[in-house]
Amino acid sequence: MSGGFSKVRLERMRNVMAGFVDRGEMPGLVTLISRRGEVHVNTVGTQAVGGGEAMRRDTIFRIASITKLMTAAAAMILVEECRVRLDEPIDALIPELANRRVLRSIDAELDDTVPAKRSITLRDLLTFRMGFGSVMAAPGSYPIQKVISEAAIGGDGPPKPALAPDTDEWLRRLGALPLMCQPGEKWMYHTGSDVLGVLIERASGQRLETFMRKRVFDPLGMKDTGFHVPGEGVHRLPPSYVANHESGKLELYDGAGAESQWSVPPKFQAGGGGLVSTVDDCHAFFQMMLDKGRYGGGRILSRPAVELMTSDQLTPEQRAEARLFFGDNSSWGFGMSVGIWRDDLWAVPGRFGWTGGLGTSAFADPQEGLFGVLMTQRMMDSPVPPRVMSDFWTLAYQTIED
């Protein structure tokens, strides 16, 4: 044993992951696990259905909702500098969301509202309790879903950066809609992170990516992380696929390279799901979080900030209403899932991270000092992790030797 991994079990992981490619469930994938300074990376398969260039360690993936963790970290930098405060209303920075109206019920018509009992706070955004988010129901079930789709504000499907309006227009459209529940009342997925990105821009006076690059990405050496892939790296951006439920075959969701929506700067830099990244860049971010905000050259965040971000922020009732996302073993901190109960080989208390709906998963376990990331090009079919993800995490824990 050198860093705490078993070579035999690492090979088993590689073989199981290769099976998903061999069966045609995805063209390729990349995995990274690290512990005690030891890092293992596997690249399997190709970058496109039907063959082509082999998958590479520096292949760039659309990390979708893993973006949420990085946006939360950027916001906490501003909290620690006292430029924003967790429990103050966001009204001064985002007046478009002041004086909210709230639907009388989720199935109400858009004009059937009551006044909000209080303003939205920064803590509400971080914990997804702003009163607005993804509706977990079939499309068209409620009137609010139709206007969300028409407004193209996101949260009702996979990210589509090419269709989003610019930041001010996005916020105007959101502000024209009522909340779905009272601020602080319920956990509702996604939209809080997008609003958080706008708040970061207005509090810092910089575009979201500019602030994140200066304060997070560049210090950590995350050279391939951003809201689009510049020309010099675009050849490392493979296509993205979605499975056809009838045929089982993979169909193109987003093109490769210059044909991708992520090959040009988006009008709206979506803090909830817009980033691209690599396994090594994600490793750098999560290692900083495991090290309580430290990195080789200094600090991104303080220890208390990281501990707050990775602690359970929901009530039992809020968790129960979001069981589709959390199951029985996890809850929500600031922009990320946090483990609260052991009910599987890999679902353990204290584990934090999240998955991306376009096929990525990244979590860290402070107790084991373990980090893992899986990157694929296959869109998730439901909030329940696909077998490739659950198998990866099962195997990641089995590689620990001691």
Protein backbone atom coordinates (compact mmCIF):
# COMPACT_ATOMS: atom_id res chain seq x y z
CA MET A 1 0.00 0.00 0.00
CA SER A 2 1.31 3.43 -0.92
CA GLY A 3 -1.64 5.81 -1.02
CA GLY A 4 -4.29 3.45 0.27
CA PHE A 5 -5.55 1.88 -2.99
CA SER A 6 -5.60 -1.79 -3.96
CA LYS A 7 -4.14 -2.44 -7.42
CA VAL A 8 -6.34 -5.48 -7.90
CA ARG A 9 -9.50 -3.52 -7.10
CA LEU A 10 -8.42 -0.62 -9.27
CA GLU A 11 -8.22 -3.08 -12.16
CA ARG A 12 -11.66 -4.38 -11.25
CA MET A 13 -13.00 -0.84 -11.43
CA ARG A 14 -11.48 -0.37 -14.85
CA ASN A 15 -13.01 -3.60 -16.13
CA VAL A 16 -16.49 -2.80 -14.83
CA MET A 17 -16.38 0.72 -16.28
CA ALA A 18 -15.16 -0.68 -19.61
CA GLY A 19 -18.20 -2.95 -19.65
CA PHE A 20 -20.54 0.03 -20.00
CA VAL A 21 -18.62 1.10 -23.10
CA ASP A 22 -18.38 -2.43 -24.50
CA ARG A 23 -22.17 -2.82 -24.23
CA GLY A 24 -22.69 0.42 -26.14
CA GLU A 25 -24.29 2.28 -23.24
CA MET A 26 -21.89 5.17 -23.86
CA PRO A 27 -18.97 5.75 -26.25
CA GLY A 28 -16.41 6.49 -23.55
CA LEU A 29 -15.77 7.78 -20.06
CA VAL A 30 -13.07 9.12 -17.77
CA THR A 31 -12.70 8.41 -14.05
CA LEU A 32 -10.40 9.84 -11.38
CA ILE A 33 -10.05 8.79 -7.76
CA SER A 34 -7.60 10.25 -5.26
CA ARG A 35 -6.61 9.60 -1.65
CA ARG A 36 -3.59 10.56 0.46
CA GLY A 37 -1.89 12.18 -2.52
CA GLU A 38 -2.31 9.15 -4.79
CA VAL A 39 -4.32 9.74 -7.96
CA HIS A 40 -5.59 7.17 -10.44
CA VAL A 41 -7.17 8.07 -13.79
CA ASN A 42 -8.82 5.72 -16.27
CA THR A 43 -9.81 6.63 -19.81
CA VAL A 44 -12.10 4.17 -21.59
CA GLY A 45 -13.52 4.12 -25.09
CA THR A 46 -13.82 6.88 -27.66
CA GLN A 47 -15.12 10.42 -27.77
CA ALA A 48 -17.96 9.71 -30.20
CA VAL A 49 -20.47 7.01 -31.02
CA GLY A 50 -19.06 4.81 -33.74
CA GLY A 51 -15.41 5.35 -32.90
CA GLY A 52 -12.99 8.14 -33.63
CA GLU A 53 -10.49 9.70 -31.27
CA ALA A 54 -9.81 7.86 -28.04
CA MET A 55 -11.04 9.34 -24.77
CA ARG A 56 -8.32 11.40 -23.07
CA ARG A 57 -7.52 12.50 -19.56
CA ASP A 58 -7.89 16.14 -20.63
CA THR A 59 -11.18 15.64 -22.48
CA ILE A 60 -13.53 18.51 -21.61
CA PHE A 61 -17.01 17.63 -20.38
CA ARG A 62 -20.20 19.61 -19.77
CA ILE A 63 -20.41 19.23 -15.99
CA ALA A 64 -23.94 20.69 -15.72
CA SER A 65 -25.08 20.80 -12.09
CA ILE A 66 -21.63 20.21 -10.59
CA THR A 67 -21.38 23.91 -11.48
CA LYS A 68 -23.58 24.58 -8.43
CA LEU A 69 -20.80 23.76 -5.96
CA MET A 70 -18.36 26.14 -7.62
CA THR A 71 -20.92 28.94 -7.74
CA ALA A 72 -21.64 28.44 -4.04
CA ALA A 73 -17.93 28.66 -3.25
CA ALA A 74 -17.67 31.93 -5.19
CA ALA A 75 -20.60 33.36 -3.23
CA MET A 76 -19.01 32.36 0.08
CA ILE A 77 -15.88 34.31 -0.85
CA LEU A 78 -18.05 37.43 -0.98
CA VAL A 79 -19.70 36.49 2.33
CA GLU A 80 -16.30 36.19 3.98
CA GLU A 81 -15.34 39.61 2.64
CA CYS A 82 -18.57 41.05 4.10
CA ARG A 83 -19.67 42.22 0.67
CA VAL A 84 -22.88 40.20 1.05
CA ARG A 85 -24.47 38.60 4.09
CA LEU A 86 -26.23 35.28 4.42
CA ASP A 87 -29.43 36.43 6.06
CA GLU A 88 -29.94 39.84 4.52
CA PRO A 89 -32.49 40.31 1.73
CA ILE A 90 -31.11 40.28 -1.80
CA ASP A 91 -33.47 43.15 -2.74
CA ALA A 92 -30.77 45.83 -2.95
CA LEU A 93 -28.66 43.84 -5.41
CA ILE A 94 -31.53 42.15 -7.25
CA PRO A 95 -34.54 44.50 -7.09
CA GLU A 96 -36.20 42.45 -9.84
CA LEU A 97 -36.97 39.84 -7.17
CA ALA A 98 -38.20 42.22 -4.47
CA ASN A 99 -41.84 42.39 -3.31
CA ARG A 100 -42.66 38.91 -4.53
CA ARG A 101 -46.08 37.42 -5.11
CA VAL A 102 -46.55 33.71 -4.36
CA LEU A 103 -48.90 31.21 -6.02
CA ARG A 104 -51.75 30.21 -3.74
CA SER A 105 -50.96 26.60 -4.73
CA ILE A 106 -48.71 24.91 -7.28
CA ASP A 107 -51.67 24.26 -9.59
CA ALA A 108 -53.01 27.82 -9.36
CA GLU A 109 -53.30 30.18 -12.31
CA LEU A 110 -50.58 32.81 -12.54
CA ASP A 111 -52.74 35.59 -11.14
CA ASP A 112 -53.96 33.57 -8.14
CA THR A 113 -51.34 34.77 -5.68
CA VAL A 114 -50.71 36.05 -2.17
CA PRO A 115 -47.94 38.40 -0.96
CA ALA A 116 -44.60 36.91 0.06
CA LYS A 117 -44.19 36.88 3.82
CA ARG A 118 -40.58 38.05 3.57
CA SER A 119 -37.79 38.82 1.12
CA ILE A 120 -35.48 36.24 -0.43
CA THR A 121 -32.07 36.01 1.27
CA LEU A 122 -28.68 34.79 0.13
CA ARG A 123 -29.07 31.77 2.40
CA ASP A 124 -32.30 30.95 0.55
CA LEU A 125 -30.41 30.92 -2.76
CA LEU A 126 -27.61 28.71 -1.40
CA THR A 127 -30.03 26.21 0.15
CA PHE A 128 -32.57 26.23 -2.72
CA ARG A 129 -35.31 27.66 -0.54
CA MET A 130 -35.99 30.86 -2.50
CA GLY A 131 -39.50 29.66 -3.34
CA PHE A 132 -38.89 28.93 -7.03
CA GLY A 133 -37.28 26.03 -8.88
CA SER A 134 -37.75 22.94 -10.98
CA VAL A 135 -41.24 21.44 -10.89
CA MET A 136 -41.06 17.70 -10.34
CA ALA A 137 -44.06 16.80 -12.48
CA ALA A 138 -44.75 15.84 -16.09
CA PRO A 139 -44.43 18.82 -18.47
CA GLY A 140 -47.67 20.77 -18.72
CA SER A 141 -49.07 19.53 -15.41
CA TYR A 142 -49.33 23.05 -13.97
CA PRO A 143 -49.79 26.54 -15.48
CA ILE A 144 -46.44 27.74 -14.07
CA GLN A 145 -44.58 25.12 -16.12
CA LYS A 146 -45.86 26.52 -19.41
CA VAL A 147 -44.62 30.04 -18.70
CA ILE A 148 -41.25 28.76 -17.43
CA SER A 149 -40.78 26.94 -20.73
CA GLU A 150 -41.87 29.94 -22.80
CA ALA A 151 -39.55 32.25 -20.88
CA ALA A 152 -36.52 29.97 -21.49
CA ILE A 153 -35.20 30.57 -17.98
CA GLY A 154 -34.10 26.96 -17.50
CA GLY A 155 -34.66 24.45 -14.75
CA ASP A 156 -37.22 22.52 -16.79
CA GLY A 157 -34.77 20.33 -18.70
CA PRO A 158 -31.10 19.94 -19.66
CA PRO A 159 -29.02 23.10 -20.15
CA LYS A 160 -29.28 24.90 -23.48
CA PRO A 161 -26.97 27.92 -23.30
CA ALA A 162 -27.63 28.94 -26.89
CA LEU A 163 -31.31 29.63 -26.10
CA ALA A 164 -30.84 31.68 -22.93
CA PRO A 165 -31.29 35.46 -23.04
CA ASP A 166 -28.72 37.84 -21.60
CA THR A 167 -28.46 38.22 -17.84
CA ASP A 168 -30.69 41.26 -17.37
CA GLU A 169 -33.39 39.85 -19.65
CA TRP A 170 -33.20 36.46 -17.91
CA LEU A 171 -33.74 38.15 -14.57
CA ARG A 172 -36.57 40.31 -15.94
CA ARG A 173 -38.36 37.20 -17.16
CA LEU A 174 -37.90 35.44 -13.82
CA GLY A 175 -39.08 38.53 -11.96
CA ALA A 176 -42.28 38.59 -14.01
CA LEU A 177 -43.29 35.20 -12.58
CA PRO A 178 -44.70 34.51 -9.12
CA LEU A 179 -42.87 32.32 -6.63
CA MET A 180 -44.23 28.80 -6.19
CA CYS A 181 -43.99 28.83 -2.41
CA GLN A 182 -42.99 31.20 0.38
CA PRO A 183 -39.25 31.98 0.74
CA GLY A 184 -37.65 29.56 3.18
CA GLU A 185 -40.58 27.14 3.09
CA LYS A 186 -39.55 24.35 0.70
CA TRP A 187 -36.51 23.00 -1.12
CA MET A 188 -36.86 23.51 -4.89
CA TYR A 189 -34.07 22.51 -7.22
CA HIS A 190 -31.79 24.56 -9.44
CA THR A 191 -32.99 28.15 -9.90
CA GLY A 192 -31.35 29.41 -6.70
CA SER A 193 -27.90 28.77 -8.22
CA ASP A 194 -28.70 30.74 -11.37
CA VAL A 195 -29.90 33.70 -9.30
CA LEU A 196 -26.81 33.29 -7.12
CA GLY A 197 -24.63 33.77 -10.18
CA VAL A 198 -26.36 37.07 -10.93
CA LEU A 199 -25.92 38.19 -7.33
CA ILE A 200 -22.19 37.42 -7.53
CA GLU A 201 -21.94 39.55 -10.67
CA ARG A 202 -23.67 42.52 -9.12
CA ALA A 203 -21.88 42.29 -5.77
CA SER A 204 -18.45 41.96 -7.39
CA GLY A 205 -18.99 44.24 -10.39
CA GLN A 206 -17.62 41.49 -12.67
CA ARG A 207 -19.04 38.84 -14.95
CA LEU A 208 -19.51 35.57 -13.12
CA GLU A 209 -16.76 33.76 -15.01
CA THR A 210 -14.32 36.63 -14.53
CA PHE A 211 -14.84 36.56 -10.76
CA MET A 212 -14.69 32.75 -10.56
CA ARG A 213 -11.58 32.61 -12.69
CA LYS A 214 -9.75 35.21 -10.62
CA ARG A 215 -10.80 33.92 -7.22
CA VAL A 216 -11.23 30.16 -7.74
CA PHE A 217 -10.15 28.72 -11.08
CA ASP A 218 -6.77 30.39 -11.61
CA PRO A 219 -5.54 29.96 -8.00
CA LEU A 220 -6.40 26.24 -8.19
CA GLY A 221 -4.93 25.76 -11.67
CA MET A 222 -8.33 24.93 -13.19
CA LYS A 223 -7.28 25.98 -16.68
CA ASP A 224 -10.01 24.12 -18.59
CA THR A 225 -13.02 25.21 -16.53
CA GLY A 226 -15.33 27.93 -17.83
CA PHE A 227 -18.68 28.71 -19.42
CA HIS A 228 -17.42 27.91 -22.88
CA VAL A 229 -14.42 26.23 -24.52
CA PRO A 230 -12.05 28.70 -26.25
CA GLY A 231 -10.83 27.94 -29.74
CA GLU A 232 -7.52 26.41 -28.71
CA GLY A 233 -9.26 23.72 -26.65
CA VAL A 234 -12.42 23.15 -28.64
CA HIS A 235 -11.05 19.96 -30.22
CA ARG A 236 -11.15 18.37 -26.74
CA LEU A 237 -14.92 18.91 -26.38
CA PRO A 238 -16.73 15.72 -27.50
CA PRO A 239 -20.41 15.43 -28.45
CA SER A 240 -23.13 14.93 -25.83
CA TYR A 241 -25.79 12.24 -26.19
CA VAL A 242 -29.29 11.38 -24.97
CA ALA A 243 -30.75 7.86 -25.06
CA ASN A 244 -33.80 7.20 -27.23
CA HIS A 245 -36.21 5.43 -24.87
CA GLU A 246 -37.79 3.40 -27.68
CA SER A 247 -34.71 2.23 -29.58
CA GLY A 248 -32.21 2.43 -26.73
CA LYS A 249 -29.75 4.07 -29.11
CA LEU A 250 -27.80 7.20 -28.29
CA GLU A 251 -28.83 10.31 -30.18
CA LEU A 252 -26.93 13.57 -30.47
CA TYR A 253 -27.87 16.22 -27.92
CA ASP A 254 -25.02 18.67 -28.53
CA GLY A 255 -22.32 18.60 -31.16
CA ALA A 256 -18.57 18.27 -30.80
CA GLY A 257 -16.03 21.05 -30.97
CA ALA A 258 -17.10 24.11 -32.92
CA GLU A 259 -20.56 22.56 -33.43
CA SER A 260 -21.28 22.67 -29.69
CA GLN A 261 -23.37 25.27 -27.91
CA TRP A 262 -20.47 25.46 -25.45
CA SER A 263 -17.97 26.54 -28.13
CA VAL A 264 -19.04 30.20 -27.91
CA PRO A 265 -19.48 32.50 -24.89
CA PRO A 266 -23.11 32.33 -23.65
CA LYS A 267 -25.20 35.44 -23.15
CA PHE A 268 -26.17 34.12 -19.72
CA GLN A 269 -23.46 32.55 -17.56
CA ALA A 270 -25.59 30.02 -15.70
CA GLY A 271 -24.39 29.44 -12.15
CA GLY A 272 -26.67 26.43 -11.91
CA GLY A 273 -25.29 24.33 -14.75
CA GLY A 274 -23.25 26.14 -17.39
CA LEU A 275 -19.65 25.09 -16.78
CA VAL A 276 -17.36 22.76 -18.68
CA SER A 277 -14.40 21.12 -16.97
CA THR A 278 -12.01 18.14 -16.80
CA VAL A 279 -11.42 15.44 -14.21
CA ASP A 280 -8.21 17.13 -13.06
CA ASP A 281 -9.86 20.54 -12.68
CA CYS A 282 -12.68 19.01 -10.62
CA HIS A 283 -10.07 17.22 -8.53
CA ALA A 284 -8.34 20.52 -7.77
CA PHE A 285 -11.61 22.10 -6.61
CA PHE A 286 -12.71 19.19 -4.43
CA GLN A 287 -9.24 18.76 -2.93
CA MET A 288 -9.44 22.38 -1.81
CA MET A 289 -12.78 21.59 -0.18
CA LEU A 290 -11.36 18.47 1.48
CA ASP A 291 -8.48 20.62 2.76
CA LYS A 292 -10.99 23.01 4.38
CA GLY A 293 -10.43 25.80 1.89
CA ARG A 294 -6.64 25.50 1.62
CA TYR A 295 -4.55 24.95 -1.49
CA GLY A 296 -0.82 25.02 -2.21
CA GLY A 297 -0.56 28.78 -2.48
CA GLY A 298 -2.98 29.89 0.22
CA ARG A 299 -6.70 29.80 0.90
CA ILE A 300 -9.85 30.06 -1.19
CA LEU A 301 -12.19 29.80 1.81
CA SER A 302 -11.92 29.57 5.58
CA ARG A 303 -12.45 26.31 7.45
CA PRO A 304 -15.77 27.52 8.96
CA ALA A 305 -17.04 28.45 5.49
CA VAL A 306 -16.33 24.98 4.08
CA GLU A 307 -17.84 23.30 7.13
CA LEU A 308 -20.99 25.40 6.79
CA MET A 309 -21.29 24.67 3.08
CA THR A 310 -20.96 20.92 3.63
CA SER A 311 -23.41 20.66 6.55
CA ASP A 312 -27.11 19.76 6.42
CA GLN A 313 -29.23 22.90 6.01
CA LEU A 314 -32.72 21.39 5.60
CA THR A 315 -35.47 20.41 7.99
CA PRO A 316 -36.70 16.79 8.03
CA GLU A 317 -39.91 17.96 6.35
CA GLN A 318 -38.02 19.70 3.54
CA ARG A 319 -35.90 16.60 2.95
CA ALA A 320 -38.96 14.36 2.89
CA GLU A 321 -40.66 16.50 0.24
CA ALA A 322 -37.52 16.23 -1.95
CA ARG A 323 -37.03 12.49 -1.45
CA LEU A 324 -36.89 12.02 -5.24
CA PHE A 325 -33.51 13.77 -5.11
CA PHE A 326 -32.22 12.78 -1.69
CA GLY A 327 -33.54 9.30 -1.03
CA ASP A 328 -33.09 8.54 2.65
CA ASN A 329 -29.34 9.08 2.88
CA SER A 330 -28.62 12.69 1.97
CA SER A 331 -29.68 16.31 2.33
CA TRP A 332 -28.54 19.71 1.04
CA GLY A 333 -25.89 22.14 2.19
CA PHE A 334 -24.85 25.21 0.20
CA GLY A 335 -25.05 24.29 -3.48
CA MET A 336 -24.38 20.59 -2.90
CA SER A 337 -25.66 17.29 -1.56
CA VAL A 338 -24.40 16.21 1.87
CA GLY A 339 -24.58 12.67 3.25
CA ILE A 340 -26.47 12.25 6.52
CA TRP A 341 -27.16 8.52 6.74
CA ARG A 342 -25.41 5.32 5.68
CA ASP A 343 -27.65 3.03 3.63
CA ASP A 344 -25.28 1.78 0.93
CA LEU A 345 -21.61 0.96 0.41
CA TRP A 346 -21.00 4.51 -0.78
CA ALA A 347 -23.82 6.59 0.71
CA VAL A 348 -22.05 7.69 3.88
CA PRO A 349 -22.45 10.58 6.37
CA GLY A 350 -20.32 13.63 5.59
CA ARG A 351 -19.87 12.83 1.90
CA PHE A 352 -20.49 15.92 -0.26
CA GLY A 353 -20.77 16.68 -3.96
CA TRP A 354 -23.32 16.35 -6.72
CA THR A 355 -24.12 14.90 -10.12
CA GLY A 356 -24.54 16.64 -13.46
CA GLY A 357 -27.53 15.74 -15.59
CA LEU A 358 -25.41 15.47 -18.75
CA GLY A 359 -23.57 12.48 -17.27
CA THR A 360 -21.07 13.54 -14.61
CA SER A 361 -20.69 12.81 -10.89
CA ALA A 362 -18.20 14.20 -8.34
CA PHE A 363 -18.11 13.60 -4.57
CA ALA A 364 -15.63 13.80 -1.71
CA ASP A 365 -15.58 11.91 1.60
CA PRO A 366 -13.73 13.81 4.34
CA GLN A 367 -13.61 10.82 6.67
CA GLU A 368 -11.79 8.68 4.11
CA GLY A 369 -9.96 11.57 2.45
CA LEU A 370 -11.38 10.17 -0.78
CA PHE A 371 -12.39 12.04 -3.91
CA GLY A 372 -13.83 10.59 -7.09
CA VAL A 373 -15.20 11.94 -10.34
CA LEU A 374 -16.85 10.14 -13.23
CA MET A 375 -17.38 11.90 -16.54
CA THR A 376 -19.49 10.53 -19.36
CA GLN A 377 -21.33 12.00 -22.35
CA ARG A 378 -24.65 10.26 -21.71
CA MET A 379 -27.45 12.39 -20.30
CA MET A 380 -29.13 11.06 -17.16
CA ASP A 381 -32.62 9.63 -17.66
CA SER A 382 -33.97 10.47 -14.18
CA PRO A 383 -32.88 11.93 -10.81
CA VAL A 384 -31.97 8.36 -9.77
CA PRO A 385 -28.26 7.79 -10.58
CA PRO A 386 -27.72 5.40 -13.50
CA ARG A 387 -25.90 2.11 -12.95
CA VAL A 388 -22.61 3.45 -14.24
CA MET A 389 -22.60 6.03 -11.42
CA SER A 390 -23.70 3.72 -8.62
CA ASP A 391 -21.20 1.08 -9.78
CA PHE A 392 -18.42 3.65 -9.94
CA TRP A 393 -19.02 4.79 -6.37
CA THR A 394 -19.37 1.24 -5.05
CA LEU A 395 -16.06 0.35 -6.67
CA ALA A 396 -14.34 3.56 -5.58
CA TYR A 397 -14.85 2.65 -1.94
CA GLN A 398 -13.77 -0.95 -2.54
CA THR A 399 -10.40 0.22 -3.88
CA ILE A 400 -9.45 1.49 -0.40
CA GLU A 401 -6.88 -0.93 0.96
CA ASP A 402 -6.66 -0.01 4.64
